[in-house]
Amino acid sequence: MAIKKSQIEKWIAAQRKHRLSDTHVQMARELGLNPDKLGKIDNHKQEAWKSPLPEFIEEIYFKRFRKKRPDNTVRPLKQILKDEELKAKAKKQAKDERRKLRAEENPDGNPS
């Protein structure tokens, strides 16, 4: 599944704003949390009954998946963004090569 660049950038901004680790961000993404709405959850200073955001993410992650941490390796968001860009470049290059081969096979421009 391709991840949109704008969505990753929103997560990077939320990670910086709420001081979350890469593990907490991955857990929140797996839970399907919205990065724009994390400020509502991270309001433990004004509302004392709320737990801090990293603890809250760990709690709901454990409730849903019955494990403390994600099974797969945690990749930083910047690395995910870099990998997506490399993948897109490779895909574009392969497409250009296919077009070039098709153009060499049919120099007059007819599809058949």
PDB file of N, CA and C in Angstrom:
ATOM      1  N   MET A   1       0.839  -1.167   0.000  1.00  0.00           N
ATOM      2  CA  MET A   1       0.000   0.000   0.000  1.00  0.00           C
ATOM      3  C   MET A   1       0.890   1.238   0.000  1.00  0.00           C
ATOM      4  N   ALA A   2       0.652   2.068  -0.967  1.00  0.00           N
ATOM      5  CA  ALA A   2       1.428   3.304  -1.048  1.00  0.00           C
ATOM      6  C   ALA A   2       0.906   4.309  -0.023  1.00  0.00           C
ATOM      7  N   ILE A   3       1.838   5.010   0.579  1.00  0.00           N
ATOM      8  CA  ILE A   3       1.494   5.996   1.586  1.00  0.00           C
ATOM      9  C   ILE A   3       1.676   7.370   0.966  1.00  0.00           C
ATOM     10  N   LYS A   4       0.685   8.212   1.112  1.00  0.00           N
ATOM     11  CA  LYS A   4       0.777   9.537   0.528  1.00  0.00           C
ATOM     12  C   LYS A   4       1.794  10.388   1.280  1.00  0.00           C
ATOM     13  N   LYS A   5       2.530  11.177   0.511  1.00  0.00           N
ATOM     14  CA  LYS A   5       3.575  12.021   1.086  1.00  0.00           C
ATOM     15  C   LYS A   5       2.987  13.024   2.079  1.00  0.00           C
ATOM     16  N   SER A   6       1.823  13.573   1.760  1.00  0.00           N
ATOM     17  CA  SER A   6       1.213  14.561   2.654  1.00  0.00           C
ATOM     18  C   SER A   6       0.849  13.943   3.999  1.00  0.00           C
ATOM     19  N   GLN A   7       0.415  12.688   3.987  1.00  0.00           N
ATOM     20  CA  GLN A   7       0.047  12.013   5.235  1.00  0.00           C
ATOM     21  C   GLN A   7       1.289  11.762   6.094  1.00  0.00           C
ATOM     22  N   ILE A   8       2.378  11.368   5.465  1.00  0.00           N
ATOM     23  CA  ILE A   8       3.626  11.158   6.208  1.00  0.00           C
ATOM     24  C   ILE A   8       4.106  12.478   6.794  1.00  0.00           C
ATOM     25  N   GLU A   9       3.996  13.551   6.026  1.00  0.00           N
ATOM     26  CA  GLU A   9       4.421  14.860   6.525  1.00  0.00           C
ATOM     27  C   GLU A   9       3.579  15.303   7.720  1.00  0.00           C
ATOM     28  N   LYS A  10       2.283  14.973   7.708  1.00  0.00           N
ATOM     29  CA  LYS A  10       1.432  15.283   8.861  1.00  0.00           C
ATOM     30  C   LYS A  10       1.903  14.517  10.095  1.00  0.00           C
ATOM     31  N   TRP A  11       2.278  13.254   9.898  1.00  0.00           N
ATOM     32  CA  TRP A  11       2.769  12.454  11.022  1.00  0.00           C
ATOM     33  C   TRP A  11       4.100  12.981  11.536  1.00  0.00           C
ATOM     34  N   ILE A  12       4.963  13.462  10.630  1.00  0.00           N
ATOM     35  CA  ILE A  12       6.242  14.030  11.058  1.00  0.00           C
ATOM     36  C   ILE A  12       6.004  15.269  11.914  1.00  0.00           C
ATOM     37  N   ALA A  13       5.079  16.117  11.476  1.00  0.00           N
ATOM     38  CA  ALA A  13       4.752  17.329  12.240  1.00  0.00           C
ATOM     39  C   ALA A  13       4.158  16.967  13.607  1.00  0.00           C
ATOM     40  N   ALA A  14       3.265  15.978  13.632  1.00  0.00           N
ATOM     41  CA  ALA A  14       2.653  15.553  14.898  1.00  0.00           C
ATOM     42  C   ALA A  14       3.696  14.938  15.823  1.00  0.00           C
ATOM     43  N   GLN A  15       4.633  14.187  15.259  1.00  0.00           N
ATOM     44  CA  GLN A  15       5.686  13.575  16.073  1.00  0.00           C
ATOM     45  C   GLN A  15       6.535  14.648  16.733  1.00  0.00           C
ATOM     46  N   ARG A  16       6.859  15.680  15.973  1.00  0.00           N
ATOM     47  CA  ARG A  16       7.675  16.762  16.513  1.00  0.00           C
ATOM     48  C   ARG A  16       6.899  17.547  17.569  1.00  0.00           C
ATOM     49  N   LYS A  17       5.633  17.853  17.273  1.00  0.00           N
ATOM     50  CA  LYS A  17       4.815  18.675  18.163  1.00  0.00           C
ATOM     51  C   LYS A  17       4.537  17.986  19.501  1.00  0.00           C
ATOM     52  N   HIS A  18       4.226  16.698  19.444  1.00  0.00           N
ATOM     53  CA  HIS A  18       3.833  15.974  20.651  1.00  0.00           C
ATOM     54  C   HIS A  18       4.968  15.148  21.244  1.00  0.00           C
ATOM     55  N   ARG A  19       6.157  15.281  20.700  1.00  0.00           N
ATOM     56  CA  ARG A  19       7.359  14.593  21.188  1.00  0.00           C
ATOM     57  C   ARG A  19       7.155  13.083  21.300  1.00  0.00           C
ATOM     58  N   LEU A  20       6.800  12.482  20.197  1.00  0.00           N
ATOM     59  CA  LEU A  20       6.568  11.042  20.158  1.00  0.00           C
ATOM     60  C   LEU A  20       7.766  10.331  19.544  1.00  0.00           C
ATOM     61  N   SER A  21       8.010   9.115  19.976  1.00  0.00           N
ATOM     62  CA  SER A  21       9.083   8.316  19.390  1.00  0.00           C
ATOM     63  C   SER A  21       8.559   7.668  18.100  1.00  0.00           C
ATOM     64  N   ASP A  22       9.472   7.083  17.331  1.00  0.00           N
ATOM     65  CA  ASP A  22       9.072   6.396  16.108  1.00  0.00           C
ATOM     66  C   ASP A  22       8.159   5.213  16.420  1.00  0.00           C
ATOM     67  N   THR A  23       8.412   4.559  17.537  1.00  0.00           N
ATOM     68  CA  THR A  23       7.568   3.427  17.941  1.00  0.00           C
ATOM     69  C   THR A  23       6.152   3.885  18.248  1.00  0.00           C
ATOM     70  N   HIS A  24       6.021   4.995  18.973  1.00  0.00           N
ATOM     71  CA  HIS A  24       4.682   5.497  19.303  1.00  0.00           C
ATOM     72  C   HIS A  24       3.942   5.936  18.045  1.00  0.00           C
ATOM     73  N   VAL A  25       4.655   6.531  17.109  1.00  0.00           N
ATOM     74  CA  VAL A  25       4.010   6.951  15.861  1.00  0.00           C
ATOM     75  C   VAL A  25       3.530   5.735  15.081  1.00  0.00           C
ATOM     76  N   GLN A  26       4.358   4.702  15.005  1.00  0.00           N
ATOM     77  CA  GLN A  26       3.945   3.507  14.282  1.00  0.00           C
ATOM     78  C   GLN A  26       2.737   2.850  14.950  1.00  0.00           C
ATOM     79  N   MET A  27       2.752   2.811  16.270  1.00  0.00           N
ATOM     80  CA  MET A  27       1.617   2.229  16.984  1.00  0.00           C
ATOM     81  C   MET A  27       0.351   3.043  16.714  1.00  0.00           C
ATOM     82  N   ALA A  28       0.460   4.365  16.734  1.00  0.00           N
ATOM     83  CA  ALA A  28      -0.697   5.223  16.480  1.00  0.00           C
ATOM     84  C   ALA A  28      -1.198   5.049  15.054  1.00  0.00           C
ATOM     85  N   ARG A  29      -0.275   4.893  14.101  1.00  0.00           N
ATOM     86  CA  ARG A  29      -0.679   4.679  12.710  1.00  0.00           C
ATOM     87  C   ARG A  29      -1.389   3.345  12.551  1.00  0.00           C
ATOM     88  N   GLU A  30      -0.890   2.298  13.223  1.00  0.00           N
ATOM     89  CA  GLU A  30      -1.538   0.989  13.161  1.00  0.00           C
ATOM     90  C   GLU A  30      -2.923   1.029  13.792  1.00  0.00           C
ATOM     91  N   LEU A  31      -3.086   1.872  14.801  1.00  0.00           N
ATOM     92  CA  LEU A  31      -4.395   2.021  15.445  1.00  0.00           C
ATOM     93  C   LEU A  31      -5.365   2.832  14.592  1.00  0.00           C
ATOM     94  N   GLY A  32      -4.837   3.546  13.612  1.00  0.00           N
ATOM     95  CA  GLY A  32      -5.690   4.347  12.743  1.00  0.00           C
ATOM     96  C   GLY A  32      -5.990   5.722  13.314  1.00  0.00           C
ATOM     97  N   LEU A  33      -5.135   6.226  14.199  1.00  0.00           N
ATOM     98  CA  LEU A  33      -5.358   7.545  14.762  1.00  0.00           C
ATOM     99  C   LEU A  33      -5.072   8.623  13.722  1.00  0.00           C
ATOM    100  N   ASN A  34      -5.740   9.746  13.863  1.00  0.00           N
ATOM    101  CA  ASN A  34      -5.578  10.875  12.961  1.00  0.00           C
ATOM    102  C   ASN A  34      -4.520  11.811  13.543  1.00  0.00           C
ATOM    103  N   PRO A  35      -3.462  12.130  12.788  1.00  0.00           N
ATOM    104  CA  PRO A  35      -2.411  12.995  13.342  1.00  0.00           C
ATOM    105  C   PRO A  35      -2.901  14.406  13.657  1.00  0.00           C
ATOM    106  N   ASP A  36      -3.939  14.851  12.968  1.00  0.00           N
ATOM    107  CA  ASP A  36      -4.479  16.190  13.223  1.00  0.00           C
ATOM    108  C   ASP A  36      -5.238  16.264  14.541  1.00  0.00           C
ATOM    109  N   LYS A  37      -5.719  15.145  15.047  1.00  0.00           N
ATOM    110  CA  LYS A  37      -6.550  15.123  16.251  1.00  0.00           C
ATOM    111  C   LYS A  37      -5.790  14.719  17.509  1.00  0.00           C
ATOM    112  N   LEU A  38      -4.479  14.541  17.404  1.00  0.00           N
ATOM    113  CA  LEU A  38      -3.712  14.106  18.571  1.00  0.00           C
ATOM    114  C   LEU A  38      -3.682  15.164  19.663  1.00  0.00           C
ATOM    115  N   GLY A  39      -3.859  16.429  19.314  1.00  0.00           N
ATOM    116  CA  GLY A  39      -3.854  17.494  20.308  1.00  0.00           C
ATOM    117  C   GLY A  39      -4.994  17.365  21.300  1.00  0.00           C
ATOM    118  N   LYS A  40      -6.120  16.828  20.845  1.00  0.00           N
ATOM    119  CA  LYS A  40      -7.260  16.629  21.747  1.00  0.00           C
ATOM    120  C   LYS A  40      -6.965  15.541  22.771  1.00  0.00           C
ATOM    121  N   ILE A  41      -6.228  14.541  22.327  1.00  0.00           N
ATOM    122  CA  ILE A  41      -5.899  13.436  23.219  1.00  0.00           C
ATOM    123  C   ILE A  41      -4.783  13.844  24.179  1.00  0.00           C
ATOM    124  N   ASP A  42      -3.836  14.639  23.679  1.00  0.00           N
ATOM    125  CA  ASP A  42      -2.668  15.052  24.468  1.00  0.00           C
ATOM    126  C   ASP A  42      -2.970  16.338  25.222  1.00  0.00           C
ATOM    127  N   ASN A  43      -3.875  16.255  26.160  1.00  0.00           N
ATOM    128  CA  ASN A  43      -4.289  17.432  26.923  1.00  0.00           C
ATOM    129  C   ASN A  43      -4.200  17.134  28.411  1.00  0.00           C
ATOM    130  N   HIS A  44      -3.174  16.373  28.794  1.00  0.00           N
ATOM    131  CA  HIS A  44      -3.089  15.892  30.169  1.00  0.00           C
ATOM    132  C   HIS A  44      -2.676  16.977  31.163  1.00  0.00           C
ATOM    133  N   LYS A  45      -2.145  18.080  30.690  1.00  0.00           N
ATOM    134  CA  LYS A  45      -1.740  19.142  31.623  1.00  0.00           C
ATOM    135  C   LYS A  45      -2.950  19.925  32.119  1.00  0.00           C
ATOM    136  N   GLN A  46      -3.922  20.127  31.236  1.00  0.00           N
ATOM    137  CA  GLN A  46      -5.132  20.857  31.632  1.00  0.00           C
ATOM    138  C   GLN A  46      -6.158  19.939  32.275  1.00  0.00           C
ATOM    139  N   GLU A  47      -6.205  18.717  31.813  1.00  0.00           N
ATOM    140  CA  GLU A  47      -7.172  17.761  32.339  1.00  0.00           C
ATOM    141  C   GLU A  47      -6.383  16.636  33.006  1.00  0.00           C
ATOM    142  N   ALA A  48      -6.292  16.710  34.318  1.00  0.00           N
ATOM    143  CA  ALA A  48      -5.407  15.824  35.072  1.00  0.00           C
ATOM    144  C   ALA A  48      -5.784  14.346  34.975  1.00  0.00           C
ATOM    145  N   TRP A  49      -7.019  14.042  34.638  1.00  0.00           N
ATOM    146  CA  TRP A  49      -7.434  12.644  34.581  1.00  0.00           C
ATOM    147  C   TRP A  49      -6.933  11.944  33.323  1.00  0.00           C
ATOM    148  N   LYS A  50      -6.434  12.718  32.343  1.00  0.00           N
ATOM    149  CA  LYS A  50      -5.902  12.104  31.119  1.00  0.00           C
ATOM    150  C   LYS A  50      -4.457  11.685  31.329  1.00  0.00           C
ATOM    151  N   SER A  51      -4.084  10.591  30.678  1.00  0.00           N
ATOM    152  CA  SER A  51      -2.680  10.163  30.738  1.00  0.00           C
ATOM    153  C   SER A  51      -1.920  10.833  29.593  1.00  0.00           C
ATOM    154  N   PRO A  52      -0.604  10.965  29.710  1.00  0.00           N
ATOM    155  CA  PRO A  52       0.183  11.535  28.624  1.00  0.00           C
ATOM    156  C   PRO A  52       0.005  10.725  27.333  1.00  0.00           C
ATOM    157  N   LEU A  53       0.155  11.384  26.214  1.00  0.00           N
ATOM    158  CA  LEU A  53      -0.126  10.769  24.913  1.00  0.00           C
ATOM    159  C   LEU A  53       0.654   9.473  24.668  1.00  0.00           C
ATOM    160  N   PRO A  54       1.966   9.408  24.919  1.00  0.00           N
ATOM    161  CA  PRO A  54       2.658   8.133  24.678  1.00  0.00           C
ATOM    162  C   PRO A  54       2.096   6.975  25.510  1.00  0.00           C
ATOM    163  N   GLU A  55       1.763   7.256  26.756  1.00  0.00           N
ATOM    164  CA  GLU A  55       1.179   6.208  27.605  1.00  0.00           C
ATOM    165  C   GLU A  55      -0.197   5.799  27.095  1.00  0.00           C
ATOM    166  N   PHE A  56      -0.984   6.772  26.656  1.00  0.00           N
ATOM    167  CA  PHE A  56      -2.317   6.487  26.134  1.00  0.00           C
ATOM    168  C   PHE A  56      -2.235   5.602  24.888  1.00  0.00           C
ATOM    169  N   ILE A  57      -1.297   5.922  24.000  1.00  0.00           N
ATOM    170  CA  ILE A  57      -1.128   5.122  22.784  1.00  0.00           C
ATOM    171  C   ILE A  57      -0.735   3.697  23.148  1.00  0.00           C
ATOM    172  N   GLU A  58       0.180   3.545  24.108  1.00  0.00           N
ATOM    173  CA  GLU A  58       0.581   2.202  24.541  1.00  0.00           C
ATOM    174  C   GLU A  58      -0.594   1.421  25.127  1.00  0.00           C
ATOM    175  N   GLU A  59      -1.422   2.106  25.921  1.00  0.00           N
ATOM    176  CA  GLU A  59      -2.581   1.441  26.534  1.00  0.00           C
ATOM    177  C   GLU A  59      -3.563   0.939  25.491  1.00  0.00           C
ATOM    178  N   ILE A  60      -3.943   1.793  24.555  1.00  0.00           N
ATOM    179  CA  ILE A  60      -4.949   1.362  23.583  1.00  0.00           C
ATOM    180  C   ILE A  60      -4.364   0.369  22.585  1.00  0.00           C
ATOM    181  N   TYR A  61      -3.058   0.460  22.331  1.00  0.00           N
ATOM    182  CA  TYR A  61      -2.407  -0.525  21.463  1.00  0.00           C
ATOM    183  C   TYR A  61      -2.465  -1.905  22.125  1.00  0.00           C
ATOM    184  N   PHE A  62      -2.180  -1.945  23.431  1.00  0.00           N
ATOM    185  CA  PHE A  62      -2.229  -3.223  24.140  1.00  0.00           C
ATOM    186  C   PHE A  62      -3.658  -3.767  24.180  1.00  0.00           C
ATOM    187  N   LYS A  63      -4.643  -2.891  24.389  1.00  0.00           N
ATOM    188  CA  LYS A  63      -6.037  -3.347  24.430  1.00  0.00           C
ATOM    189  C   LYS A  63      -6.458  -3.962  23.102  1.00  0.00           C
ATOM    190  N   ARG A  64      -6.036  -3.349  21.990  1.00  0.00           N
ATOM    191  CA  ARG A  64      -6.477  -3.833  20.694  1.00  0.00           C
ATOM    192  C   ARG A  64      -5.692  -5.047  20.227  1.00  0.00           C
ATOM    193  N   PHE A  65      -4.364  -5.012  20.347  1.00  0.00           N
ATOM    194  CA  PHE A  65      -3.532  -6.060  19.755  1.00  0.00           C
ATOM    195  C   PHE A  65      -2.964  -7.060  20.751  1.00  0.00           C
ATOM    196  N   ARG A  66      -3.130  -6.837  22.044  1.00  0.00           N
ATOM    197  CA  ARG A  66      -2.624  -7.717  23.096  1.00  0.00           C
ATOM    198  C   ARG A  66      -1.106  -7.907  23.008  1.00  0.00           C
ATOM    199  N   LYS A  67      -0.408  -6.854  22.649  1.00  0.00           N
ATOM    200  CA  LYS A  67       1.046  -6.867  22.672  1.00  0.00           C
ATOM    201  C   LYS A  67       1.546  -5.468  22.985  1.00  0.00           C
ATOM    202  N   LYS A  68       2.729  -5.394  23.558  1.00  0.00           N
ATOM    203  CA  LYS A  68       3.248  -4.116  24.028  1.00  0.00           C
ATOM    204  C   LYS A  68       3.884  -3.292  22.923  1.00  0.00           C
ATOM    205  N   ARG A  69       4.453  -3.942  21.936  1.00  0.00           N
ATOM    206  CA  ARG A  69       5.145  -3.244  20.843  1.00  0.00           C
ATOM    207  C   ARG A  69       4.802  -3.901  19.509  1.00  0.00           C
ATOM    208  N   PRO A  70       4.973  -3.183  18.408  1.00  0.00           N
ATOM    209  CA  PRO A  70       4.746  -3.793  17.089  1.00  0.00           C
ATOM    210  C   PRO A  70       5.730  -4.930  16.828  1.00  0.00           C
ATOM    211  N   ASP A  71       5.284  -5.949  16.096  1.00  0.00           N
ATOM    212  CA  ASP A  71       6.135  -7.100  15.790  1.00  0.00           C
ATOM    213  C   ASP A  71       7.241  -6.743  14.797  1.00  0.00           C
ATOM    214  N   ASN A  72       6.853  -6.044  13.736  1.00  0.00           N
ATOM    215  CA  ASN A  72       7.839  -5.735  12.705  1.00  0.00           C
ATOM    216  C   ASN A  72       8.759  -4.600  13.156  1.00  0.00           C
ATOM    217  N   THR A  73       9.820  -4.398  12.431  1.00  0.00           N
ATOM    218  CA  THR A  73      10.795  -3.384  12.802  1.00  0.00           C
ATOM    219  C   THR A  73      10.191  -1.991  12.629  1.00  0.00           C
ATOM    220  N   VAL A  74      10.566  -1.119  13.518  1.00  0.00           N
ATOM    221  CA  VAL A  74      10.057   0.253  13.489  1.00  0.00           C
ATOM    222  C   VAL A  74      10.959   1.077  12.586  1.00  0.00           C
ATOM    223  N   ARG A  75      10.361   1.660  11.547  1.00  0.00           N
ATOM    224  CA  ARG A  75      11.123   2.505  10.622  1.00  0.00           C
ATOM    225  C   ARG A  75      10.780   3.960  10.885  1.00  0.00           C
ATOM    226  N   PRO A  76      11.792   4.831  10.906  1.00  0.00           N
ATOM    227  CA  PRO A  76      11.513   6.260  11.071  1.00  0.00           C
ATOM    228  C   PRO A  76      10.701   6.787   9.884  1.00  0.00           C
ATOM    229  N   LEU A  77       9.904   7.807  10.124  1.00  0.00           N
ATOM    230  CA  LEU A  77       9.049   8.367   9.080  1.00  0.00           C
ATOM    231  C   LEU A  77       9.861   8.923   7.919  1.00  0.00           C
ATOM    232  N   LYS A  78      10.998   9.530   8.224  1.00  0.00           N
ATOM    233  CA  LYS A  78      11.838  10.063   7.148  1.00  0.00           C
ATOM    234  C   LYS A  78      12.349   8.942   6.250  1.00  0.00           C
ATOM    235  N   GLN A  79      12.638   7.782   6.825  1.00  0.00           N
ATOM    236  CA  GLN A  79      13.078   6.643   6.033  1.00  0.00           C
ATOM    237  C   GLN A  79      11.944   6.129   5.153  1.00  0.00           C
ATOM    238  N   ILE A  80      10.733   6.097   5.682  1.00  0.00           N
ATOM    239  CA  ILE A  80       9.575   5.663   4.898  1.00  0.00           C
ATOM    240  C   ILE A  80       9.375   6.611   3.722  1.00  0.00           C
ATOM    241  N   LEU A  81       9.490   7.903   3.970  1.00  0.00           N
ATOM    242  CA  LEU A  81       9.333   8.908   2.922  1.00  0.00           C
ATOM    243  C   LEU A  81      10.406   8.733   1.847  1.00  0.00           C
ATOM    244  N   LYS A  82      11.641   8.486   2.271  1.00  0.00           N
ATOM    245  CA  LYS A  82      12.745   8.291   1.335  1.00  0.00           C
ATOM    246  C   LYS A  82      12.526   7.037   0.489  1.00  0.00           C
ATOM    247  N   ASP A  83      12.072   5.951   1.126  1.00  0.00           N
ATOM    248  CA  ASP A  83      11.813   4.704   0.411  1.00  0.00           C
ATOM    249  C   ASP A  83      10.708   4.870  -0.629  1.00  0.00           C
ATOM    250  N   GLU A  84       9.664   5.617  -0.274  1.00  0.00           N
ATOM    251  CA  GLU A  84       8.571   5.861  -1.213  1.00  0.00           C
ATOM    252  C   GLU A  84       9.052   6.658  -2.424  1.00  0.00           C
ATOM    253  N   GLU A  85       9.926   7.641  -2.188  1.00  0.00           N
ATOM    254  CA  GLU A  85      10.454   8.431  -3.300  1.00  0.00           C
ATOM    255  C   GLU A  85      11.321   7.569  -4.223  1.00  0.00           C
ATOM    256  N   LEU A  86      12.160   6.709  -3.642  1.00  0.00           N
ATOM    257  CA  LEU A  86      12.987   5.818  -4.447  1.00  0.00           C
ATOM    258  C   LEU A  86      12.131   4.848  -5.256  1.00  0.00           C
ATOM    259  N   LYS A  87      11.075   4.356  -4.638  1.00  0.00           N
ATOM    260  CA  LYS A  87      10.164   3.431  -5.310  1.00  0.00           C
ATOM    261  C   LYS A  87       9.464   4.123  -6.487  1.00  0.00           C
ATOM    262  N   ALA A  88       9.057   5.372  -6.280  1.00  0.00           N
ATOM    263  CA  ALA A  88       8.401   6.122  -7.344  1.00  0.00           C
ATOM    264  C   ALA A  88       9.360   6.404  -8.501  1.00  0.00           C
ATOM    265  N   LYS A  89      10.612   6.727  -8.184  1.00  0.00           N
ATOM    266  CA  LYS A  89      11.606   6.968  -9.231  1.00  0.00           C
ATOM    267  C   LYS A  89      11.859   5.709 -10.044  1.00  0.00           C
ATOM    268  N   ALA A  90      11.973   4.570  -9.361  1.00  0.00           N
ATOM    269  CA  ALA A  90      12.201   3.307 -10.054  1.00  0.00           C
ATOM    270  C   ALA A  90      11.020   2.953 -10.951  1.00  0.00           C
ATOM    271  N   LYS A  91       9.825   3.203 -10.474  1.00  0.00           N
ATOM    272  CA  LYS A  91       8.625   2.923 -11.253  1.00  0.00           C
ATOM    273  C   LYS A  91       8.568   3.805 -12.497  1.00  0.00           C
ATOM    274  N   LYS A  92       8.926   5.080 -12.339  1.00  0.00           N
ATOM    275  CA  LYS A  92       8.924   6.010 -13.467  1.00  0.00           C
ATOM    276  C   LYS A  92       9.977   5.614 -14.488  1.00  0.00           C
ATOM    277  N   GLN A  93      11.141   5.197 -14.020  1.00  0.00           N
ATOM    278  CA  GLN A  93      12.210   4.788 -14.916  1.00  0.00           C
ATOM    279  C   GLN A  93      11.803   3.544 -15.709  1.00  0.00           C
ATOM    280  N   ALA A  94      11.166   2.588 -15.056  1.00  0.00           N
ATOM    281  CA  ALA A  94      10.709   1.378 -15.737  1.00  0.00           C
ATOM    282  C   ALA A  94       9.651   1.717 -16.780  1.00  0.00           C
ATOM    283  N   LYS A  95       8.784   2.642 -16.458  1.00  0.00           N
ATOM    284  CA  LYS A  95       7.747   3.055 -17.398  1.00  0.00           C
ATOM    285  C   LYS A  95       8.361   3.738 -18.618  1.00  0.00           C
ATOM    286  N   ASP A  96       9.363   4.595 -18.378  1.00  0.00           N
ATOM    287  CA  ASP A  96      10.039   5.261 -19.492  1.00  0.00           C
ATOM    288  C   ASP A  96      10.745   4.257 -20.398  1.00  0.00           C
ATOM    289  N   GLU A  97      11.349   3.222 -19.794  1.00  0.00           N
ATOM    290  CA  GLU A  97      12.016   2.183 -20.583  1.00  0.00           C
ATOM    291  C   GLU A  97      11.015   1.407 -21.432  1.00  0.00           C
ATOM    292  N   ARG A  98       9.852   1.090 -20.862  1.00  0.00           N
ATOM    293  CA  ARG A  98       8.814   0.386 -21.632  1.00  0.00           C
ATOM    294  C   ARG A  98       8.338   1.233 -22.796  1.00  0.00           C
ATOM    295  N   ARG A  99       8.167   2.535 -22.570  1.00  0.00           N
ATOM    296  CA  ARG A  99       7.750   3.427 -23.653  1.00  0.00           C
ATOM    297  C   ARG A  99       8.799   3.483 -24.755  1.00  0.00           C
ATOM    298  N   LYS A 100      10.060   3.517 -24.346  1.00  0.00           N
ATOM    299  CA  LYS A 100      11.148   3.582 -25.304  1.00  0.00           C
ATOM    300  C   LYS A 100      11.188   2.320 -26.163  1.00  0.00           C
ATOM    301  N   LEU A 101      11.014   1.148 -25.528  1.00  0.00           N
ATOM    302  CA  LEU A 101      10.993  -0.111 -26.279  1.00  0.00           C
ATOM    303  C   LEU A 101       9.818  -0.163 -27.250  1.00  0.00           C
ATOM    304  N   ARG A 102       8.655   0.314 -26.815  1.00  0.00           N
ATOM    305  CA  ARG A 102       7.483   0.337 -27.685  1.00  0.00           C
ATOM    306  C   ARG A 102       7.698   1.268 -28.879  1.00  0.00           C
ATOM    307  N   ALA A 103       8.343   2.384 -28.620  1.00  0.00           N
ATOM    308  CA  ALA A 103       8.603   3.343 -29.698  1.00  0.00           C
ATOM    309  C   ALA A 103       9.588   2.771 -30.700  1.00  0.00           C
ATOM    310  N   GLU A 104      10.565   1.975 -30.246  1.00  0.00           N
ATOM    311  CA  GLU A 104      11.517   1.354 -31.158  1.00  0.00           C
ATOM    312  C   GLU A 104      10.868   0.253 -32.002  1.00  0.00           C
ATOM    313  N   GLU A 105       9.899  -0.460 -31.409  1.00  0.00           N
ATOM    314  CA  GLU A 105       9.207  -1.522 -32.141  1.00  0.00           C
ATOM    315  C   GLU A 105       8.295  -0.956 -33.211  1.00  0.00           C
ATOM    316  N   ASN A 106       7.617   0.131 -32.902  1.00  0.00           N
ATOM    317  CA  ASN A 106       6.666   0.765 -33.841  1.00  0.00           C
ATOM    318  C   ASN A 106       7.092   2.199 -34.113  1.00  0.00           C
ATOM    319  N   PRO A 107       8.004   2.413 -35.034  1.00  0.00           N
ATOM    320  CA  PRO A 107       8.480   3.766 -35.287  1.00  0.00           C
ATOM    321  C   PRO A 107       7.423   4.674 -35.924  1.00  0.00           C
ATOM    322  N   ASP A 108       6.412   4.095 -36.590  1.00  0.00           N
ATOM    323  CA  ASP A 108       5.390   4.947 -37.225  1.00  0.00           C
ATOM    324  C   ASP A 108       4.313   5.395 -36.252  1.00  0.00           C
ATOM    325  N   GLY A 109       4.285   4.893 -35.038  1.00  0.00           N
ATOM    326  CA  GLY A 109       3.348   5.350 -34.014  1.00  0.00           C
ATOM    327  C   GLY A 109       2.053   4.575 -33.959  1.00  0.00           C
ATOM    328  N   ASN A 110       1.878   3.548 -34.808  1.00  0.00           N
ATOM    329  CA  ASN A 110       0.653   2.738 -34.744  1.00  0.00           C
ATOM    330  C   ASN A 110       0.746   1.752 -33.587  1.00  0.00           C
ATOM    331  N   PRO A 111      -0.367   1.537 -32.851  1.00  0.00           N
ATOM    332  CA  PRO A 111      -0.328   0.654 -31.699  1.00  0.00           C
ATOM    333  C   PRO A 111      -0.122  -0.808 -32.056  1.00  0.00           C
ATOM    334  N   SER A 112      -0.477  -1.280 -33.244  1.00  0.00           N
ATOM    335  CA  SER A 112      -0.337  -2.694 -33.606  1.00  0.00           C
ATOM    336  C   SER A 112       0.815  -2.952 -34.499  1.00  0.00           C
TER     337      SER A 112
END
